[in-house]
Structures are given as C-alpha cells and as structure tokens.
Amino acid sequence: MNPFSVESLPRAYYENDDLRSPTTLLSTFHYDSSRKALLVADAVPRRSAQEVPKMKQRRPTNPELLSAIGYLMKAGKQYQTPLWITIASFLGKSRRTRIVLNLGQVSKNLKGGEVIVVPGKVLGSGEPKEKLTIAAFKFSPRALVKVEKAGGRCIPFSRLVEENPRGTNVRLLR
C-alpha cells in the first residue's frame, strides 16, 4: 500500500461527517513517488473569541527615560501634584507622539517669571527672547548654547522637582 494514498490516512482527514464541527479544512498537497499530486484536507481547529491574543502594551525601553518617568510619578504621589504625573504620562507615550519643540515656539509662549516644561526634546531653531528657565527631557546642543548665551537655564526634571515640588509658576508646553 502506498503511504501517500487516501486509504493510508485516518478517516478524519478525507471525510468530515459533521459539518458543524469546530474545525476548518485546510487543503494541502502531498506527493507520492510517481509525482502525482494528491489533495488532502487537514483538520485545523478554529480560534474561539477567548483565544484571540490581546495587543502587547509597549513601554519605553530607554533606561534614562524610564527612570525619569518613575521619578516624576513618585514625586507626583509624594507631593500630591498632578503636574508631575501628567508630565510622566506624556513621556511614556509612543515615539510618534513625543513632543519636540523649537526655541522659537518655547519663547513665544513664555510669560514673565514662569518655568517652561517640555515633556520631550527642545531643539535650537529660533532665538530666545529673554532669560528662560526650561525643563525638558532632552536638549539639542544648539538649544543649550542659545539658552545659556541669553542668560537662561536648561534643567532636568529632577532639579525642577527639587526646586519647586508643588509645581507653582510652571507652564507645560506640548
């Protein structure tokens, strides 16, 4: 008897008496020694609604970013300041939605005596109008030079939380 013939296969492979069974028939080709194709239906179980995998939650993998998010979340709970938790949630978003602002956009939204917070990166395009205090996750080298030249400060979030734990006179730009 030929090992690739229909008689050698179990009955379930080529006959399906119960058409309401939870299987899907998938056709595959098996070749015998004389190179004639034999069409055989393989029984493949269907996925039920409970078996559908959920999308995996993605998180940032940058260790510096993860520590900044953790620090801001902890400070927000410790000082009961929702501003730090909001900044941490913006930092935890995907790369496509991260905030990138130019110095011209930052200085345009400045009011006297405020600290500007950018939960993302500050780039060096544009000129700062006056002394700025900017807290951001990252600064481009050109932005650092321009702000320092104008007499302002570029600080990380940790220093801002230490100097101003309640978050007064802080403006969040996004």
C-alpha atoms as a PDB file:
ATOM      1  CA  MET A   1       0.000   0.000   0.000  1.00  0.00           C
ATOM      2  CA  ASN A   2       1.272   3.471  -0.939  1.00  0.00           C
ATOM      3  CA  PRO A   3       1.972   5.661   2.184  1.00  0.00           C
ATOM      4  CA  PHE A   4       0.586   8.738   0.396  1.00  0.00           C
ATOM      5  CA  SER A   5      -2.716   7.252  -0.696  1.00  0.00           C
ATOM      6  CA  VAL A   6      -6.077   8.185   0.789  1.00  0.00           C
ATOM      7  CA  GLU A   7      -6.549   4.700   2.271  1.00  0.00           C
ATOM      8  CA  SER A   8      -3.453   5.108   4.461  1.00  0.00           C
ATOM      9  CA  LEU A   9      -4.775   8.312   6.074  1.00  0.00           C
ATOM     10  CA  PRO A  10      -7.183   8.344   9.010  1.00  0.00           C
ATOM     11  CA  ARG A  11     -10.797   8.804   8.013  1.00  0.00           C
ATOM     12  CA  ALA A  12     -10.973  12.286   9.621  1.00  0.00           C
ATOM     13  CA  TYR A  13      -8.515  13.608   7.048  1.00  0.00           C
ATOM     14  CA  TYR A  14     -10.633  12.984   3.994  1.00  0.00           C
ATOM     15  CA  GLU A  15     -14.200  12.764   5.285  1.00  0.00           C
ATOM     16  CA  ASN A  16     -15.968  15.203   7.526  1.00  0.00           C
ATOM     17  CA  ASP A  17     -19.343  13.798   8.534  1.00  0.00           C
ATOM     18  CA  ASP A  18     -20.234  16.615  10.941  1.00  0.00           C
ATOM     19  CA  LEU A  19     -20.083  19.920   9.060  1.00  0.00           C
ATOM     20  CA  ARG A  20     -20.845  21.861  12.235  1.00  0.00           C
ATOM     21  CA  SER A  21     -17.642  20.742  13.981  1.00  0.00           C
ATOM     22  CA  PRO A  22     -15.236  23.465  15.179  1.00  0.00           C
ATOM     23  CA  THR A  23     -12.597  22.673  12.592  1.00  0.00           C
ATOM     24  CA  THR A  24     -11.550  24.340   9.380  1.00  0.00           C
ATOM     25  CA  LEU A  25     -10.406  22.255   6.462  1.00  0.00           C
ATOM     26  CA  LEU A  26      -7.095  23.332   5.049  1.00  0.00           C
ATOM     27  CA  SER A  27      -6.107  21.848   1.710  1.00  0.00           C
ATOM     28  CA  THR A  28      -2.529  20.703   1.266  1.00  0.00           C
ATOM     29  CA  PHE A  29      -0.749  18.779  -1.463  1.00  0.00           C
ATOM     30  CA  HIS A  30       1.032  15.517  -0.746  1.00  0.00           C
ATOM     31  CA  TYR A  31       3.161  13.980  -3.466  1.00  0.00           C
ATOM     32  CA  ASP A  32       3.530  10.257  -3.997  1.00  0.00           C
ATOM     33  CA  SER A  33       6.502   8.526  -5.544  1.00  0.00           C
ATOM     34  CA  SER A  34       5.107   8.829  -9.086  1.00  0.00           C
ATOM     35  CA  ARG A  35       4.898  12.657  -8.609  1.00  0.00           C
ATOM     36  CA  LYS A  36       1.096  12.789  -8.898  1.00  0.00           C
ATOM     37  CA  ALA A  37      -0.446  15.328  -6.608  1.00  0.00           C
ATOM     38  CA  LEU A  38      -2.924  14.141  -4.024  1.00  0.00           C
ATOM     39  CA  LEU A  39      -5.166  16.747  -2.404  1.00  0.00           C
ATOM     40  CA  VAL A  40      -5.713  16.068   1.289  1.00  0.00           C
ATOM     41  CA  ALA A  41      -7.741  18.174   3.702  1.00  0.00           C
ATOM     42  CA  ASP A  42      -6.060  18.726   7.090  1.00  0.00           C
ATOM     43  CA  ALA A  43      -8.265  19.469  10.069  1.00  0.00           C
ATOM     44  CA  VAL A  44      -7.236  22.746  11.765  1.00  0.00           C
ATOM     45  CA  PRO A  45      -9.074  23.897  14.896  1.00  0.00           C
ATOM     46  CA  ARG A  46     -10.625  27.380  14.804  1.00  0.00           C
ATOM     47  CA  ARG A  47      -9.796  30.045  17.346  1.00  0.00           C
ATOM     48  CA  SER A  48     -12.572  30.935  19.692  1.00  0.00           C
ATOM     49  CA  ALA A  49     -13.274  34.502  20.779  1.00  0.00           C
ATOM     50  CA  GLN A  50     -11.479  33.945  24.088  1.00  0.00           C
ATOM     51  CA  GLU A  51      -8.274  32.738  22.428  1.00  0.00           C
ATOM     52  CA  VAL A  52      -7.632  35.922  20.437  1.00  0.00           C
ATOM     53  CA  PRO A  53      -4.416  37.409  21.846  1.00  0.00           C
ATOM     54  CA  LYS A  54      -4.510  40.994  23.034  1.00  0.00           C
ATOM     55  CA  MET A  55      -2.034  43.557  21.799  1.00  0.00           C
ATOM     56  CA  LYS A  56       1.066  43.765  23.905  1.00  0.00           C
ATOM     57  CA  GLN A  57       1.427  47.014  25.816  1.00  0.00           C
ATOM     58  CA  ARG A  58       4.534  48.796  24.626  1.00  0.00           C
ATOM     59  CA  ARG A  59       6.660  50.825  27.001  1.00  0.00           C
ATOM     60  CA  PRO A  60       9.738  52.929  26.534  1.00  0.00           C
ATOM     61  CA  THR A  61      12.949  50.922  26.815  1.00  0.00           C
ATOM     62  CA  ASN A  62      15.368  53.819  27.316  1.00  0.00           C
ATOM     63  CA  PRO A  63      16.644  53.412  30.919  1.00  0.00           C
ATOM     64  CA  GLU A  64      17.113  57.163  31.351  1.00  0.00           C
ATOM     65  CA  LEU A  65      13.529  57.792  30.213  1.00  0.00           C
ATOM     66  CA  LEU A  66      12.176  55.043  32.457  1.00  0.00           C
ATOM     67  CA  SER A  67      13.949  56.493  35.490  1.00  0.00           C
ATOM     68  CA  ALA A  68      12.615  59.991  34.700  1.00  0.00           C
ATOM     69  CA  ILE A  69       9.059  58.622  34.395  1.00  0.00           C
ATOM     70  CA  GLY A  70       9.413  56.717  37.666  1.00  0.00           C
ATOM     71  CA  TYR A  71      10.845  59.748  39.460  1.00  0.00           C
ATOM     72  CA  LEU A  72       8.053  62.035  38.253  1.00  0.00           C
ATOM     73  CA  MET A  73       5.338  59.518  39.190  1.00  0.00           C
ATOM     74  CA  LYS A  74       6.834  59.142  42.664  1.00  0.00           C
ATOM     75  CA  ALA A  75       7.120  62.921  43.107  1.00  0.00           C
ATOM     76  CA  GLY A  76       3.536  63.413  41.919  1.00  0.00           C
ATOM     77  CA  LYS A  77       2.238  60.989  44.536  1.00  0.00           C
ATOM     78  CA  GLN A  78       4.550  62.237  47.285  1.00  0.00           C
ATOM     79  CA  TYR A  79       3.765  65.948  46.846  1.00  0.00           C
ATOM     80  CA  GLN A  80       0.208  65.331  45.582  1.00  0.00           C
ATOM     81  CA  THR A  81       0.940  67.326  42.430  1.00  0.00           C
ATOM     82  CA  PRO A  82      -0.864  66.105  39.305  1.00  0.00           C
ATOM     83  CA  LEU A  83       1.513  68.144  37.099  1.00  0.00           C
ATOM     84  CA  TRP A  84       4.375  65.665  37.607  1.00  0.00           C
ATOM     85  CA  ILE A  85       2.084  62.702  36.836  1.00  0.00           C
ATOM     86  CA  THR A  86       0.883  64.447  33.660  1.00  0.00           C
ATOM     87  CA  ILE A  87       4.467  65.044  32.526  1.00  0.00           C
ATOM     88  CA  ALA A  88       5.299  61.386  33.217  1.00  0.00           C
ATOM     89  CA  SER A  89       2.320  60.243  31.141  1.00  0.00           C
ATOM     90  CA  PHE A  90       3.450  62.405  28.208  1.00  0.00           C
ATOM     91  CA  LEU A  91       6.952  60.923  28.456  1.00  0.00           C
ATOM     92  CA  GLY A  92       5.523  57.396  28.426  1.00  0.00           C
ATOM     93  CA  LYS A  93       3.757  57.805  25.096  1.00  0.00           C
ATOM     94  CA  SER A  94       4.977  56.342  21.834  1.00  0.00           C
ATOM     95  CA  ARG A  95       7.808  57.853  19.824  1.00  0.00           C
ATOM     96  CA  ARG A  96       5.434  59.088  17.163  1.00  0.00           C
ATOM     97  CA  THR A  97       3.556  61.254  19.651  1.00  0.00           C
ATOM     98  CA  ARG A  98       6.544  62.578  21.594  1.00  0.00           C
ATOM     99  CA  ILE A  99       6.822  66.314  21.855  1.00  0.00           C
ATOM    100  CA  VAL A 100       9.585  68.172  20.028  1.00  0.00           C
ATOM    101  CA  LEU A 101       9.601  71.978  20.218  1.00  0.00           C
ATOM    102  CA  ASN A 102      11.914  74.658  18.883  1.00  0.00           C
ATOM    103  CA  LEU A 103      13.273  77.525  21.000  1.00  0.00           C
ATOM    104  CA  GLY A 104      11.193  79.987  18.972  1.00  0.00           C
ATOM    105  CA  GLN A 105       7.988  78.144  19.922  1.00  0.00           C
ATOM    106  CA  VAL A 106       9.050  77.935  23.572  1.00  0.00           C
ATOM    107  CA  SER A 107       9.932  81.623  23.907  1.00  0.00           C
ATOM    108  CA  LYS A 108       6.710  82.655  22.143  1.00  0.00           C
ATOM    109  CA  ASN A 109       4.627  81.026  24.905  1.00  0.00           C
ATOM    110  CA  LEU A 110       6.607  82.471  27.815  1.00  0.00           C
ATOM    111  CA  LYS A 111       5.125  84.804  30.405  1.00  0.00           C
ATOM    112  CA  GLY A 112       7.286  86.609  32.960  1.00  0.00           C
ATOM    113  CA  GLY A 113       8.660  84.534  35.827  1.00  0.00           C
ATOM    114  CA  GLU A 114       7.424  81.167  34.610  1.00  0.00           C
ATOM    115  CA  VAL A 115       9.335  77.956  34.186  1.00  0.00           C
ATOM    116  CA  ILE A 116       8.620  76.171  30.905  1.00  0.00           C
ATOM    117  CA  VAL A 117       8.318  72.370  30.954  1.00  0.00           C
ATOM    118  CA  VAL A 118       8.605  70.402  27.716  1.00  0.00           C
ATOM    119  CA  PRO A 119       7.962  66.659  28.149  1.00  0.00           C
ATOM    120  CA  GLY A 120      10.197  65.806  25.231  1.00  0.00           C
ATOM    121  CA  LYS A 121      13.020  67.481  23.353  1.00  0.00           C
ATOM    122  CA  VAL A 122      13.894  71.146  22.792  1.00  0.00           C
ATOM    123  CA  LEU A 123      15.620  71.978  19.511  1.00  0.00           C
ATOM    124  CA  GLY A 124      17.730  75.030  18.711  1.00  0.00           C
ATOM    125  CA  SER A 125      15.737  76.636  15.900  1.00  0.00           C
ATOM    126  CA  GLY A 126      14.703  80.188  16.750  1.00  0.00           C
ATOM    127  CA  GLU A 127      16.007  82.688  19.266  1.00  0.00           C
ATOM    128  CA  PRO A 128      15.061  83.004  22.934  1.00  0.00           C
ATOM    129  CA  LYS A 129      13.557  86.451  23.590  1.00  0.00           C
ATOM    130  CA  GLU A 130      14.670  86.766  27.209  1.00  0.00           C
ATOM    131  CA  LYS A 131      16.011  84.733  30.100  1.00  0.00           C
ATOM    132  CA  LEU A 132      14.323  81.339  30.023  1.00  0.00           C
ATOM    133  CA  THR A 133      14.215  78.523  32.520  1.00  0.00           C
ATOM    134  CA  ILE A 134      13.356  75.393  30.580  1.00  0.00           C
ATOM    135  CA  ALA A 135      12.960  71.899  31.985  1.00  0.00           C
ATOM    136  CA  ALA A 136      12.891  69.126  29.401  1.00  0.00           C
ATOM    137  CA  PHE A 137      13.867  65.507  28.961  1.00  0.00           C
ATOM    138  CA  LYS A 138      16.441  66.350  26.266  1.00  0.00           C
ATOM    139  CA  PHE A 139      18.018  69.430  24.727  1.00  0.00           C
ATOM    140  CA  SER A 140      19.863  69.701  21.464  1.00  0.00           C
ATOM    141  CA  PRO A 141      23.413  71.065  21.840  1.00  0.00           C
ATOM    142  CA  ARG A 142      22.481  74.155  19.847  1.00  0.00           C
ATOM    143  CA  ALA A 143      19.497  74.860  22.121  1.00  0.00           C
ATOM    144  CA  LEU A 144      21.697  74.576  25.213  1.00  0.00           C
ATOM    145  CA  VAL A 145      24.190  77.092  23.817  1.00  0.00           C
ATOM    146  CA  LYS A 146      21.487  79.595  22.801  1.00  0.00           C
ATOM    147  CA  VAL A 147      19.664  79.480  26.144  1.00  0.00           C
ATOM    148  CA  GLU A 148      22.910  79.791  28.142  1.00  0.00           C
ATOM    149  CA  LYS A 149      24.008  82.710  25.925  1.00  0.00           C
ATOM    150  CA  ALA A 150      20.705  84.530  26.588  1.00  0.00           C
ATOM    151  CA  GLY A 151      21.203  84.101  30.347  1.00  0.00           C
ATOM    152  CA  GLY A 152      18.662  81.326  30.862  1.00  0.00           C
ATOM    153  CA  ARG A 153      18.861  77.828  32.334  1.00  0.00           C
ATOM    154  CA  CYS A 154      18.232  74.372  30.935  1.00  0.00           C
ATOM    155  CA  ILE A 155      17.469  71.950  33.749  1.00  0.00           C
ATOM    156  CA  PRO A 156      16.352  68.317  34.011  1.00  0.00           C
ATOM    157  CA  PHE A 157      13.038  67.347  35.605  1.00  0.00           C
ATOM    158  CA  SER A 158      14.695  66.100  38.786  1.00  0.00           C
ATOM    159  CA  ARG A 159      16.189  69.520  39.553  1.00  0.00           C
ATOM    160  CA  LEU A 160      12.872  71.223  38.825  1.00  0.00           C
ATOM    161  CA  VAL A 161      11.047  68.918  41.264  1.00  0.00           C
ATOM    162  CA  GLU A 162      13.705  69.585  43.924  1.00  0.00           C
ATOM    163  CA  GLU A 163      13.477  73.378  43.448  1.00  0.00           C
ATOM    164  CA  ASN A 164       9.689  73.533  43.078  1.00  0.00           C
ATOM    165  CA  PRO A 165       7.980  70.415  44.497  1.00  0.00           C
ATOM    166  CA  ARG A 166       4.453  71.866  44.276  1.00  0.00           C
ATOM    167  CA  GLY A 167       4.852  72.942  40.656  1.00  0.00           C
ATOM    168  CA  THR A 168       3.880  76.604  41.082  1.00  0.00           C
ATOM    169  CA  ASN A 169       4.614  79.029  38.207  1.00  0.00           C
ATOM    170  CA  VAL A 170       5.254  76.126  35.844  1.00  0.00           C
ATOM    171  CA  ARG A 171       3.822  76.068  32.325  1.00  0.00           C
ATOM    172  CA  LEU A 172       3.552  72.783  30.481  1.00  0.00           C
ATOM    173  CA  LEU A 173       4.052  73.074  26.707  1.00  0.00           C
ATOM    174  CA  ARG A 174       3.016  70.300  24.401  1.00  0.00           C
END
